[in-house]
PDB file of N, CA and C in Angstrom:
ATOM      1  N   MET A   1     -14.937  11.898  -2.920  1.00  0.00           N
ATOM      2  CA  MET A   1     -14.108  11.293  -4.009  1.00  0.00           C
ATOM      3  C   MET A   1     -12.928  12.714  -3.943  1.00  0.00           C
ATOM      4  N   LEU A   2     -11.831  11.796  -3.639  1.00  0.00           N
ATOM      5  CA  LEU A   2     -10.482  12.574  -3.313  1.00  0.00           C
ATOM      6  C   LEU A   2     -10.064  13.452  -4.650  1.00  0.00           C
ATOM      7  N   SER A   3      -9.242  14.620  -4.932  1.00  0.00           N
ATOM      8  CA  SER A   3      -8.668  14.665  -6.294  1.00  0.00           C
ATOM      9  C   SER A   3      -7.435  14.464  -5.976  1.00  0.00           C
ATOM     10  N   ARG A   4      -7.243  14.145  -7.282  1.00  0.00           N
ATOM     11  CA  ARG A   4      -5.470  13.342  -8.072  1.00  0.00           C
ATOM     12  C   ARG A   4      -5.064  14.374  -6.663  1.00  0.00           C
ATOM     13  N   LYS A   5      -4.137  15.327  -6.888  1.00  0.00           N
ATOM     14  CA  LYS A   5      -3.804  16.219  -6.187  1.00  0.00           C
ATOM     15  C   LYS A   5      -3.558  15.426  -4.648  1.00  0.00           C
ATOM     16  N   ALA A   6      -5.421  15.387  -3.967  1.00  0.00           N
ATOM     17  CA  ALA A   6      -4.663  14.889  -3.043  1.00  0.00           C
ATOM     18  C   ALA A   6      -4.505  13.691  -2.423  1.00  0.00           C
ATOM     19  N   VAL A   7      -4.179  12.373  -2.988  1.00  0.00           N
ATOM     20  CA  VAL A   7      -4.166  11.285  -3.156  1.00  0.00           C
ATOM     21  C   VAL A   7      -2.325  11.218  -4.372  1.00  0.00           C
ATOM     22  N   ILE A   8      -2.127  11.950  -4.540  1.00  0.00           N
ATOM     23  CA  ILE A   8       0.055  12.439  -4.885  1.00  0.00           C
ATOM     24  C   ILE A   8      -0.452  12.289  -3.840  1.00  0.00           C
ATOM     25  N   ALA A   9      -0.489  13.779  -3.187  1.00  0.00           N
ATOM     26  CA  ALA A   9      -0.038  14.682  -1.388  1.00  0.00           C
ATOM     27  C   ALA A   9      -0.069  12.752  -0.311  1.00  0.00           C
ATOM     28  N   VAL A  10      -0.722  12.282  -0.251  1.00  0.00           N
ATOM     29  CA  VAL A  10      -0.567  11.033   1.187  1.00  0.00           C
ATOM     30  C   VAL A  10       0.441  10.249   0.065  1.00  0.00           C
ATOM     31  N   LEU A  11       0.555   9.370  -1.322  1.00  0.00           N
ATOM     32  CA  LEU A  11       1.153   8.768  -1.509  1.00  0.00           C
ATOM     33  C   LEU A  11       3.023   9.634  -1.223  1.00  0.00           C
ATOM     34  N   SER A  12       2.576  11.254  -1.708  1.00  0.00           N
ATOM     35  CA  SER A  12       3.879  11.222  -1.093  1.00  0.00           C
ATOM     36  C   SER A  12       4.851  11.590   0.065  1.00  0.00           C
ATOM     37  N   MET A  13       3.478  11.953   1.037  1.00  0.00           N
ATOM     38  CA  MET A  13       4.139  10.895   2.860  1.00  0.00           C
ATOM     39  C   MET A  13       4.538  10.175   3.068  1.00  0.00           C
ATOM     40  N   ALA A  14       3.738   8.871   2.340  1.00  0.00           N
ATOM     41  CA  ALA A  14       4.451   7.663   2.825  1.00  0.00           C
ATOM     42  C   ALA A  14       5.812   7.824   2.069  1.00  0.00           C
ATOM     43  N   MET A  15       5.781   8.405   0.768  1.00  0.00           N
ATOM     44  CA  MET A  15       6.388   7.964   0.533  1.00  0.00           C
ATOM     45  C   MET A  15       8.494   8.444   1.467  1.00  0.00           C
ATOM     46  N   LEU A  16       7.596   9.465   1.756  1.00  0.00           N
ATOM     47  CA  LEU A  16       8.934   9.961   2.823  1.00  0.00           C
ATOM     48  C   LEU A  16       8.908   9.494   4.597  1.00  0.00           C
ATOM     49  N   LEU A  17       7.832   8.272   4.565  1.00  0.00           N
ATOM     50  CA  LEU A  17       7.854   8.147   6.237  1.00  0.00           C
ATOM     51  C   LEU A  17       9.224   6.684   6.140  1.00  0.00           C
ATOM     52  N   LEU A  18       9.269   6.373   4.380  1.00  0.00           N
ATOM     53  CA  LEU A  18       9.717   5.241   4.362  1.00  0.00           C
ATOM     54  C   LEU A  18      10.865   4.511   4.588  1.00  0.00           C
ATOM     55  N   PRO A  19      11.261   5.712   4.071  1.00  0.00           N
ATOM     56  CA  PRO A  19      13.106   5.411   4.680  1.00  0.00           C
ATOM     57  C   PRO A  19      13.178   5.701   6.020  1.00  0.00           C
ATOM     58  N   ALA A  20      12.671   5.711   6.747  1.00  0.00           N
ATOM     59  CA  ALA A  20      13.105   5.511   8.182  1.00  0.00           C
ATOM     60  C   ALA A  20      12.912   3.872   8.313  1.00  0.00           C
ATOM     61  N   PHE A  21      12.249   3.247   7.489  1.00  0.00           N
ATOM     62  CA  PHE A  21      12.260   1.791   7.675  1.00  0.00           C
ATOM     63  C   PHE A  21      13.481   1.706   7.127  1.00  0.00           C
ATOM     64  N   ALA A  22      13.767   2.241   6.620  1.00  0.00           N
ATOM     65  CA  ALA A  22      15.302   1.314   5.463  1.00  0.00           C
ATOM     66  C   ALA A  22      16.413   0.860   6.654  1.00  0.00           C
ATOM     67  N   GLY A  23      17.018   0.877   7.610  1.00  0.00           N
ATOM     68  CA  GLY A  23      17.413   0.555   8.454  1.00  0.00           C
ATOM     69  C   GLY A  23      17.033  -0.311   9.412  1.00  0.00           C
ATOM     70  N   CYS A  24      16.198  -1.285   9.103  1.00  0.00           N
ATOM     71  CA  CYS A  24      15.214  -1.847  10.026  1.00  0.00           C
ATOM     72  C   CYS A  24      15.347  -3.238   9.302  1.00  0.00           C
ATOM     73  N   GLY A  25      15.317  -3.465   8.561  1.00  0.00           N
ATOM     74  CA  GLY A  25      16.010  -5.011   7.738  1.00  0.00           C
ATOM     75  C   GLY A  25      16.827  -5.325   7.974  1.00  0.00           C
ATOM     76  N   GLY A  26      18.331  -5.153   8.904  1.00  0.00           N
ATOM     77  CA  GLY A  26      19.877  -6.011   9.123  1.00  0.00           C
ATOM     78  C   GLY A  26      20.202  -5.675   7.906  1.00  0.00           C
ATOM     79  N   GLU A  27      20.762  -7.599   6.993  1.00  0.00           N
ATOM     80  CA  GLU A  27      21.537  -6.883   5.167  1.00  0.00           C
ATOM     81  C   GLU A  27      20.822  -6.839   4.099  1.00  0.00           C
ATOM     82  N   ASP A  28      19.977  -6.717   4.903  1.00  0.00           N
ATOM     83  CA  ASP A  28      18.301  -6.787   3.517  1.00  0.00           C
ATOM     84  C   ASP A  28      17.931  -5.389   3.734  1.00  0.00           C
ATOM     85  N   GLU A  29      18.359  -4.904   2.734  1.00  0.00           N
ATOM     86  CA  GLU A  29      17.862  -3.822   2.895  1.00  0.00           C
ATOM     87  C   GLU A  29      16.479  -2.798   2.652  1.00  0.00           C
ATOM     88  N   SER A  30      16.306  -4.042   1.890  1.00  0.00           N
ATOM     89  CA  SER A  30      15.024  -4.103   1.537  1.00  0.00           C
ATOM     90  C   SER A  30      13.438  -3.935   2.172  1.00  0.00           C
ATOM     91  N   ILE A  31      12.248  -2.914   1.880  1.00  0.00           N
ATOM     92  CA  ILE A  31      10.699  -3.211   2.458  1.00  0.00           C
ATOM     93  C   ILE A  31      10.129  -3.750   1.453  1.00  0.00           C
ATOM     94  N   LYS A  32       9.405  -4.280   2.808  1.00  0.00           N
ATOM     95  CA  LYS A  32       8.797  -4.927   2.189  1.00  0.00           C
ATOM     96  C   LYS A  32       7.256  -3.781   1.830  1.00  0.00           C
ATOM     97  N   VAL A  33       6.156  -3.665   0.911  1.00  0.00           N
ATOM     98  CA  VAL A  33       5.087  -2.266   0.843  1.00  0.00           C
ATOM     99  C   VAL A  33       4.110  -3.040   0.145  1.00  0.00           C
ATOM    100  N   ALA A  34       3.381  -3.441   0.485  1.00  0.00           N
ATOM    101  CA  ALA A  34       1.944  -3.887   0.127  1.00  0.00           C
ATOM    102  C   ALA A  34       0.674  -3.077   0.048  1.00  0.00           C
ATOM    103  N   VAL A  35       0.006  -2.766  -1.104  1.00  0.00           N
ATOM    104  CA  VAL A  35      -1.110  -1.589  -1.502  1.00  0.00           C
ATOM    105  C   VAL A  35      -2.113  -3.033  -1.312  1.00  0.00           C
ATOM    106  N   ILE A  36      -3.493  -2.598  -0.645  1.00  0.00           N
ATOM    107  CA  ILE A  36      -4.813  -3.442  -0.656  1.00  0.00           C
ATOM    108  C   ILE A  36      -5.155  -2.759  -1.538  1.00  0.00           C
ATOM    109  N   GLN A  37      -6.143  -3.155  -2.837  1.00  0.00           N
ATOM    110  CA  GLN A  37      -6.992  -1.992  -3.757  1.00  0.00           C
ATOM    111  C   GLN A  37      -8.764  -2.340  -2.969  1.00  0.00           C
ATOM    112  N   ILE A  38      -9.122  -1.548  -2.842  1.00  0.00           N
ATOM    113  CA  ILE A  38     -10.313  -1.747  -2.969  1.00  0.00           C
ATOM    114  C   ILE A  38     -11.410  -2.445  -4.186  1.00  0.00           C
ATOM    115  N   GLY A  39     -11.109  -1.644  -5.844  1.00  0.00           N
ATOM    116  CA  GLY A  39     -11.200  -2.544  -7.036  1.00  0.00           C
ATOM    117  C   GLY A  39     -10.493  -2.400  -7.853  1.00  0.00           C
ATOM    118  N   ALA A  40     -10.791  -2.479  -9.246  1.00  0.00           N
ATOM    119  CA  ALA A  40      -9.686  -2.889 -10.908  1.00  0.00           C
ATOM    120  C   ALA A  40      -8.418  -1.276 -10.449  1.00  0.00           C
ATOM    121  N   ALA A  41      -7.913  -1.494 -10.869  1.00  0.00           N
ATOM    122  CA  ALA A  41      -6.805  -0.366 -11.883  1.00  0.00           C
ATOM    123  C   ALA A  41      -7.468   0.497 -12.915  1.00  0.00           C
ATOM    124  N   GLU A  42      -8.097  -0.617 -13.662  1.00  0.00           N
ATOM    125  CA  GLU A  42      -8.954  -0.510 -14.977  1.00  0.00           C
ATOM    126  C   GLU A  42      -9.650   0.796 -14.446  1.00  0.00           C
ATOM    127  N   ASP A  43      -9.689   0.895 -13.289  1.00  0.00           N
ATOM    128  CA  ASP A  43     -11.378   1.806 -13.045  1.00  0.00           C
ATOM    129  C   ASP A  43     -11.113   3.407 -13.248  1.00  0.00           C
ATOM    130  N   TYR A  44      -9.806   3.977 -13.749  1.00  0.00           N
ATOM    131  CA  TYR A  44      -9.348   4.645 -14.413  1.00  0.00           C
ATOM    132  C   TYR A  44      -9.559   5.812 -12.887  1.00  0.00           C
ATOM    133  N   GLY A  45     -10.338   5.751 -11.612  1.00  0.00           N
ATOM    134  CA  GLY A  45     -10.369   6.160 -10.821  1.00  0.00           C
ATOM    135  C   GLY A  45      -9.549   6.221  -9.088  1.00  0.00           C
ATOM    136  N   TRP A  46      -9.659   6.100  -8.530  1.00  0.00           N
ATOM    137  CA  TRP A  46      -9.441   5.459  -7.345  1.00  0.00           C
ATOM    138  C   TRP A  46      -8.492   4.718  -7.624  1.00  0.00           C
ATOM    139  N   THR A  47      -9.106   3.573  -7.490  1.00  0.00           N
ATOM    140  CA  THR A  47      -7.601   2.413  -6.874  1.00  0.00           C
ATOM    141  C   THR A  47      -7.067   2.357  -8.594  1.00  0.00           C
ATOM    142  N   TYR A  48      -7.696   3.563  -9.427  1.00  0.00           N
ATOM    143  CA  TYR A  48      -6.186   3.721 -11.062  1.00  0.00           C
ATOM    144  C   TYR A  48      -4.750   4.635 -10.802  1.00  0.00           C
ATOM    145  N   GLU A  49      -5.468   5.219  -9.355  1.00  0.00           N
ATOM    146  CA  GLU A  49      -4.519   6.728  -8.610  1.00  0.00           C
ATOM    147  C   GLU A  49      -3.426   5.735  -7.577  1.00  0.00           C
ATOM    148  N   GLY A  50      -4.746   4.908  -6.565  1.00  0.00           N
ATOM    149  CA  GLY A  50      -3.904   4.861  -5.840  1.00  0.00           C
ATOM    150  C   GLY A  50      -2.517   3.670  -6.514  1.00  0.00           C
ATOM    151  N   HIS A  51      -2.453   3.144  -7.387  1.00  0.00           N
ATOM    152  CA  HIS A  51      -2.105   1.835  -8.366  1.00  0.00           C
ATOM    153  C   HIS A  51      -0.619   3.036  -8.617  1.00  0.00           C
ATOM    154  N   LEU A  52      -0.764   3.880  -9.908  1.00  0.00           N
ATOM    155  CA  LEU A  52      -0.001   4.534 -10.498  1.00  0.00           C
ATOM    156  C   LEU A  52       0.848   5.027  -9.463  1.00  0.00           C
ATOM    157  N   GLY A  53      -0.262   5.445  -7.780  1.00  0.00           N
ATOM    158  CA  GLY A  53       1.148   5.927  -6.731  1.00  0.00           C
ATOM    159  C   GLY A  53       2.163   5.354  -6.354  1.00  0.00           C
ATOM    160  N   ALA A  54       1.558   3.640  -6.182  1.00  0.00           N
ATOM    161  CA  ALA A  54       2.959   2.727  -5.684  1.00  0.00           C
ATOM    162  C   ALA A  54       3.927   2.606  -6.524  1.00  0.00           C
ATOM    163  N   GLU A  55       2.801   2.456  -7.959  1.00  0.00           N
ATOM    164  CA  GLU A  55       4.048   1.788  -9.571  1.00  0.00           C
ATOM    165  C   GLU A  55       5.555   3.702  -8.944  1.00  0.00           C
ATOM    166  N   GLY A  56       4.797   4.295  -8.836  1.00  0.00           N
ATOM    167  CA  GLY A  56       5.658   5.824  -8.424  1.00  0.00           C
ATOM    168  C   GLY A  56       6.787   5.411  -7.774  1.00  0.00           C
ATOM    169  N   MET A  57       5.908   5.117  -6.165  1.00  0.00           N
ATOM    170  CA  MET A  57       7.358   4.923  -5.239  1.00  0.00           C
ATOM    171  C   MET A  57       7.623   3.546  -5.245  1.00  0.00           C
ATOM    172  N   SER A  58       7.459   2.670  -6.537  1.00  0.00           N
ATOM    173  CA  SER A  58       8.399   1.091  -5.802  1.00  0.00           C
ATOM    174  C   SER A  58       9.583   1.718  -7.483  1.00  0.00           C
ATOM    175  N   ASP A  59       9.452   2.429  -7.963  1.00  0.00           N
ATOM    176  CA  ASP A  59      10.632   3.060  -9.563  1.00  0.00           C
ATOM    177  C   ASP A  59      11.154   4.404  -8.440  1.00  0.00           C
ATOM    178  N   THR A  60      10.928   4.720  -8.052  1.00  0.00           N
ATOM    179  CA  THR A  60      11.938   5.950  -7.378  1.00  0.00           C
ATOM    180  C   THR A  60      12.277   5.692  -6.690  1.00  0.00           C
ATOM    181  N   LEU A  61      11.951   4.627  -5.167  1.00  0.00           N
ATOM    182  CA  LEU A  61      12.664   3.739  -4.392  1.00  0.00           C
ATOM    183  C   LEU A  61      13.450   2.033  -4.946  1.00  0.00           C
ATOM    184  N   SER A  62      14.431   2.275  -5.010  1.00  0.00           N
ATOM    185  CA  SER A  62      15.486   0.653  -4.864  1.00  0.00           C
ATOM    186  C   SER A  62      14.702   0.021  -4.584  1.00  0.00           C
ATOM    187  N   TYR A  63      14.853   0.661  -3.035  1.00  0.00           N
ATOM    188  CA  TYR A  63      14.878  -0.480  -1.769  1.00  0.00           C
ATOM    189  C   TYR A  63      13.001  -0.895  -1.642  1.00  0.00           C
ATOM    190  N   VAL A  64      12.527  -0.506  -2.340  1.00  0.00           N
ATOM    191  CA  VAL A  64      10.798  -0.777  -1.844  1.00  0.00           C
ATOM    192  C   VAL A  64      10.798  -2.565  -2.771  1.00  0.00           C
ATOM    193  N   VAL A  65      10.926  -3.340  -2.381  1.00  0.00           N
ATOM    194  CA  VAL A  65       9.972  -4.492  -2.727  1.00  0.00           C
ATOM    195  C   VAL A  65       8.232  -4.303  -2.621  1.00  0.00           C
ATOM    196  N   LEU A  66       7.550  -4.249  -4.084  1.00  0.00           N
ATOM    197  CA  LEU A  66       5.842  -3.919  -3.887  1.00  0.00           C
ATOM    198  C   LEU A  66       5.239  -5.037  -4.396  1.00  0.00           C
ATOM    199  N   SER A  67       3.497  -5.394  -3.696  1.00  0.00           N
ATOM    200  CA  SER A  67       2.931  -6.026  -3.857  1.00  0.00           C
ATOM    201  C   SER A  67       1.698  -5.139  -4.134  1.00  0.00           C
ATOM    202  N   GLU A  68       1.063  -5.410  -4.761  1.00  0.00           N
ATOM    203  CA  GLU A  68      -0.483  -5.398  -5.049  1.00  0.00           C
ATOM    204  C   GLU A  68      -1.111  -5.888  -4.942  1.00  0.00           C
ATOM    205  N   SER A  69      -2.980  -5.706  -4.089  1.00  0.00           N
ATOM    206  CA  SER A  69      -3.744  -6.854  -4.501  1.00  0.00           C
ATOM    207  C   SER A  69      -4.894  -5.772  -5.119  1.00  0.00           C
ATOM    208  N   GLU A  70      -5.238  -6.087  -6.303  1.00  0.00           N
ATOM    209  CA  GLU A  70      -6.719  -5.555  -6.416  1.00  0.00           C
ATOM    210  C   GLU A  70      -8.354  -6.198  -5.874  1.00  0.00           C
ATOM    211  N   ASP A  71      -9.495  -5.633  -6.216  1.00  0.00           N
ATOM    212  CA  ASP A  71     -10.344  -5.767  -6.192  1.00  0.00           C
ATOM    213  C   ASP A  71     -10.684  -7.277  -4.892  1.00  0.00           C
ATOM    214  N   ILE A  72     -10.450  -6.845  -3.795  1.00  0.00           N
ATOM    215  CA  ILE A  72     -10.418  -6.734  -2.872  1.00  0.00           C
ATOM    216  C   ILE A  72     -10.808  -6.543  -1.521  1.00  0.00           C
ATOM    217  N   GLY A  73     -12.755  -7.298  -1.183  1.00  0.00           N
ATOM    218  CA  GLY A  73     -13.856  -6.615  -0.818  1.00  0.00           C
ATOM    219  C   GLY A  73     -13.726  -5.986   0.520  1.00  0.00           C
ATOM    220  N   VAL A  74     -14.012  -5.525   1.134  1.00  0.00           N
ATOM    221  CA  VAL A  74     -14.122  -4.844   2.293  1.00  0.00           C
ATOM    222  C   VAL A  74     -13.776  -6.818   3.539  1.00  0.00           C
ATOM    223  N   SER A  75     -14.975  -7.962   3.490  1.00  0.00           N
ATOM    224  CA  SER A  75     -15.011  -8.582   4.034  1.00  0.00           C
ATOM    225  C   SER A  75     -14.732  -9.853   3.661  1.00  0.00           C
ATOM    226  N   TYR A  76     -12.883  -9.306   2.602  1.00  0.00           N
ATOM    227  CA  TYR A  76     -11.692 -10.339   3.160  1.00  0.00           C
ATOM    228  C   TYR A  76     -10.589  -9.456   3.384  1.00  0.00           C
ATOM    229  N   ALA A  77     -11.285  -8.782   3.335  1.00  0.00           N
ATOM    230  CA  ALA A  77      -9.349  -7.019   3.848  1.00  0.00           C
ATOM    231  C   ALA A  77      -9.484  -8.103   5.296  1.00  0.00           C
ATOM    232  N   ALA A  78      -9.248  -8.314   6.550  1.00  0.00           N
ATOM    233  CA  ALA A  78      -8.743  -8.661   7.117  1.00  0.00           C
ATOM    234  C   ALA A  78      -7.730  -9.907   6.737  1.00  0.00           C
ATOM    235  N   THR A  79      -8.509 -11.139   6.011  1.00  0.00           N
ATOM    236  CA  THR A  79      -8.132 -12.275   5.527  1.00  0.00           C
ATOM    237  C   THR A  79      -6.414 -11.538   4.979  1.00  0.00           C
ATOM    238  N   ALA A  80      -6.459 -10.473   3.704  1.00  0.00           N
ATOM    239  CA  ALA A  80      -5.751 -10.158   3.544  1.00  0.00           C
ATOM    240  C   ALA A  80      -4.284  -9.757   4.151  1.00  0.00           C
ATOM    241  N   MET A  81      -4.867  -8.325   4.598  1.00  0.00           N
ATOM    242  CA  MET A  81      -3.438  -7.489   5.725  1.00  0.00           C
ATOM    243  C   MET A  81      -3.045  -8.564   6.590  1.00  0.00           C
ATOM    244  N   ARG A  82      -3.697  -9.715   6.661  1.00  0.00           N
ATOM    245  CA  ARG A  82      -2.800 -10.658   7.846  1.00  0.00           C
ATOM    246  C   ARG A  82      -1.991 -11.801   6.294  1.00  0.00           C
ATOM    247  N   GLY A  83      -2.367 -11.881   6.016  1.00  0.00           N
ATOM    248  CA  GLY A  83      -2.314 -12.416   4.599  1.00  0.00           C
ATOM    249  C   GLY A  83      -0.153 -11.850   4.518  1.00  0.00           C
ATOM    250  N   TYR A  84      -0.443 -10.404   4.242  1.00  0.00           N
ATOM    251  CA  TYR A  84       0.477  -9.956   3.845  1.00  0.00           C
ATOM    252  C   TYR A  84       1.385 -10.033   5.246  1.00  0.00           C
ATOM    253  N   ALA A  85       0.526  -9.354   6.587  1.00  0.00           N
ATOM    254  CA  ALA A  85       1.537  -9.549   7.410  1.00  0.00           C
ATOM    255  C   ALA A  85       2.225 -10.932   7.745  1.00  0.00           C
ATOM    256  N   ASP A  86       1.584 -11.786   7.482  1.00  0.00           N
ATOM    257  CA  ASP A  86       2.194 -13.020   7.315  1.00  0.00           C
ATOM    258  C   ASP A  86       3.583 -13.659   6.948  1.00  0.00           C
ATOM    259  N   GLU A  87       3.631 -12.887   5.213  1.00  0.00           N
ATOM    260  CA  GLU A  87       4.983 -12.734   3.835  1.00  0.00           C
ATOM    261  C   GLU A  87       5.314 -11.788   4.868  1.00  0.00           C
ATOM    262  N   GLY A  88       5.876 -11.410   5.909  1.00  0.00           N
ATOM    263  CA  GLY A  88       6.449 -10.175   5.831  1.00  0.00           C
ATOM    264  C   GLY A  88       6.900  -9.181   5.632  1.00  0.00           C
ATOM    265  N   CYS A  89       5.267  -8.178   5.836  1.00  0.00           N
ATOM    266  CA  CYS A  89       5.121  -6.899   5.084  1.00  0.00           C
ATOM    267  C   CYS A  89       5.574  -5.957   5.944  1.00  0.00           C
ATOM    268  N   ASP A  90       6.582  -4.745   5.341  1.00  0.00           N
ATOM    269  CA  ASP A  90       6.460  -3.975   6.828  1.00  0.00           C
ATOM    270  C   ASP A  90       5.905  -3.351   6.223  1.00  0.00           C
ATOM    271  N   VAL A  91       5.010  -2.857   4.832  1.00  0.00           N
ATOM    272  CA  VAL A  91       4.364  -1.601   5.512  1.00  0.00           C
ATOM    273  C   VAL A  91       2.488  -1.977   3.988  1.00  0.00           C
ATOM    274  N   ILE A  92       2.071  -1.927   4.760  1.00  0.00           N
ATOM    275  CA  ILE A  92       0.585  -2.243   4.226  1.00  0.00           C
ATOM    276  C   ILE A  92      -0.372  -1.279   4.352  1.00  0.00           C
ATOM    277  N   PHE A  93      -0.236  -0.608   2.601  1.00  0.00           N
ATOM    278  CA  PHE A  93      -1.726   0.252   2.202  1.00  0.00           C
ATOM    279  C   PHE A  93      -2.711   0.075   2.256  1.00  0.00           C
ATOM    280  N   CYS A  94      -3.726   0.306   3.114  1.00  0.00           N
ATOM    281  CA  CYS A  94      -5.485  -0.017   3.067  1.00  0.00           C
ATOM    282  C   CYS A  94      -5.652   1.189   2.005  1.00  0.00           C
ATOM    283  N   HIS A  95      -6.047   0.634   1.222  1.00  0.00           N
ATOM    284  CA  HIS A  95      -6.235   2.122   0.138  1.00  0.00           C
ATOM    285  C   HIS A  95      -8.223   2.435  -0.618  1.00  0.00           C
ATOM    286  N   SER A  96      -8.846   2.591   0.873  1.00  0.00           N
ATOM    287  CA  SER A  96     -10.094   2.310   0.810  1.00  0.00           C
ATOM    288  C   SER A  96     -10.155   3.320   2.759  1.00  0.00           C
ATOM    289  N   TYR A  97     -10.797   3.453   2.063  1.00  0.00           N
ATOM    290  CA  TYR A  97     -11.947   3.922   3.795  1.00  0.00           C
ATOM    291  C   TYR A  97     -12.334   3.293   3.974  1.00  0.00           C
ATOM    292  N   ASP A  98     -13.085   2.074   3.423  1.00  0.00           N
ATOM    293  CA  ASP A  98     -13.921   0.721   3.964  1.00  0.00           C
ATOM    294  C   ASP A  98     -13.152   0.289   5.010  1.00  0.00           C
ATOM    295  N   TYR A  99     -11.681  -0.047   4.844  1.00  0.00           N
ATOM    296  CA  TYR A  99     -10.606  -0.872   5.639  1.00  0.00           C
ATOM    297  C   TYR A  99     -10.735  -0.714   6.844  1.00  0.00           C
ATOM    298  N   GLY A 100     -10.828   0.592   7.393  1.00  0.00           N
ATOM    299  CA  GLY A 100     -11.097   1.175   8.595  1.00  0.00           C
ATOM    300  C   GLY A 100     -10.904   0.238   9.578  1.00  0.00           C
ATOM    301  N   PRO A 101     -12.126  -0.769   9.983  1.00  0.00           N
ATOM    302  CA  PRO A 101     -12.180  -1.103  11.030  1.00  0.00           C
ATOM    303  C   PRO A 101     -11.441  -2.099  11.463  1.00  0.00           C
ATOM    304  N   TYR A 102     -11.325  -2.690   9.827  1.00  0.00           N
ATOM    305  CA  TYR A 102      -9.783  -4.339   9.730  1.00  0.00           C
ATOM    306  C   TYR A 102      -8.745  -4.066  10.632  1.00  0.00           C
ATOM    307  N   THR A 103      -8.297  -2.941  10.045  1.00  0.00           N
ATOM    308  CA  THR A 103      -7.301  -1.817   9.940  1.00  0.00           C
ATOM    309  C   THR A 103      -6.371  -2.675  11.693  1.00  0.00           C
ATOM    310  N   SER A 104      -7.762  -2.219  12.640  1.00  0.00           N
ATOM    311  CA  SER A 104      -7.398  -2.860  14.435  1.00  0.00           C
ATOM    312  C   SER A 104      -7.084  -3.784  15.204  1.00  0.00           C
ATOM    313  N   LYS A 105      -8.339  -4.777  14.051  1.00  0.00           N
ATOM    314  CA  LYS A 105      -8.201  -6.068  14.174  1.00  0.00           C
ATOM    315  C   LYS A 105      -6.046  -7.264  13.868  1.00  0.00           C
ATOM    316  N   LYS A 106      -6.931  -8.222  15.429  1.00  0.00           N
ATOM    317  CA  LYS A 106      -5.404  -9.089  15.086  1.00  0.00           C
ATOM    318  C   LYS A 106      -5.568  -9.678  15.102  1.00  0.00           C
TER     319      LYS A 106
END
């Protein structure tokens, strides 16, 4: 399990990359960001830390429109990702190693 510092470092890197997308939205300067979580934020573990990072990103970057999904089982990961893509999300964070094989599916 990653430490709290490692999770904060990963989310901080993501926050640094998001401004690069700020000019890509035309007149609407917002960036739609989705976070797909494998567990419940109430677990006070991996998912909880990811949730806090996502909220921190949204609170800090006023142009971020955040959507989060919790308890997305691995078998439903591709469907959840496709749903967010179809909704026009610019960035989709898949907050579980287990989602990896599904990130390359079309």
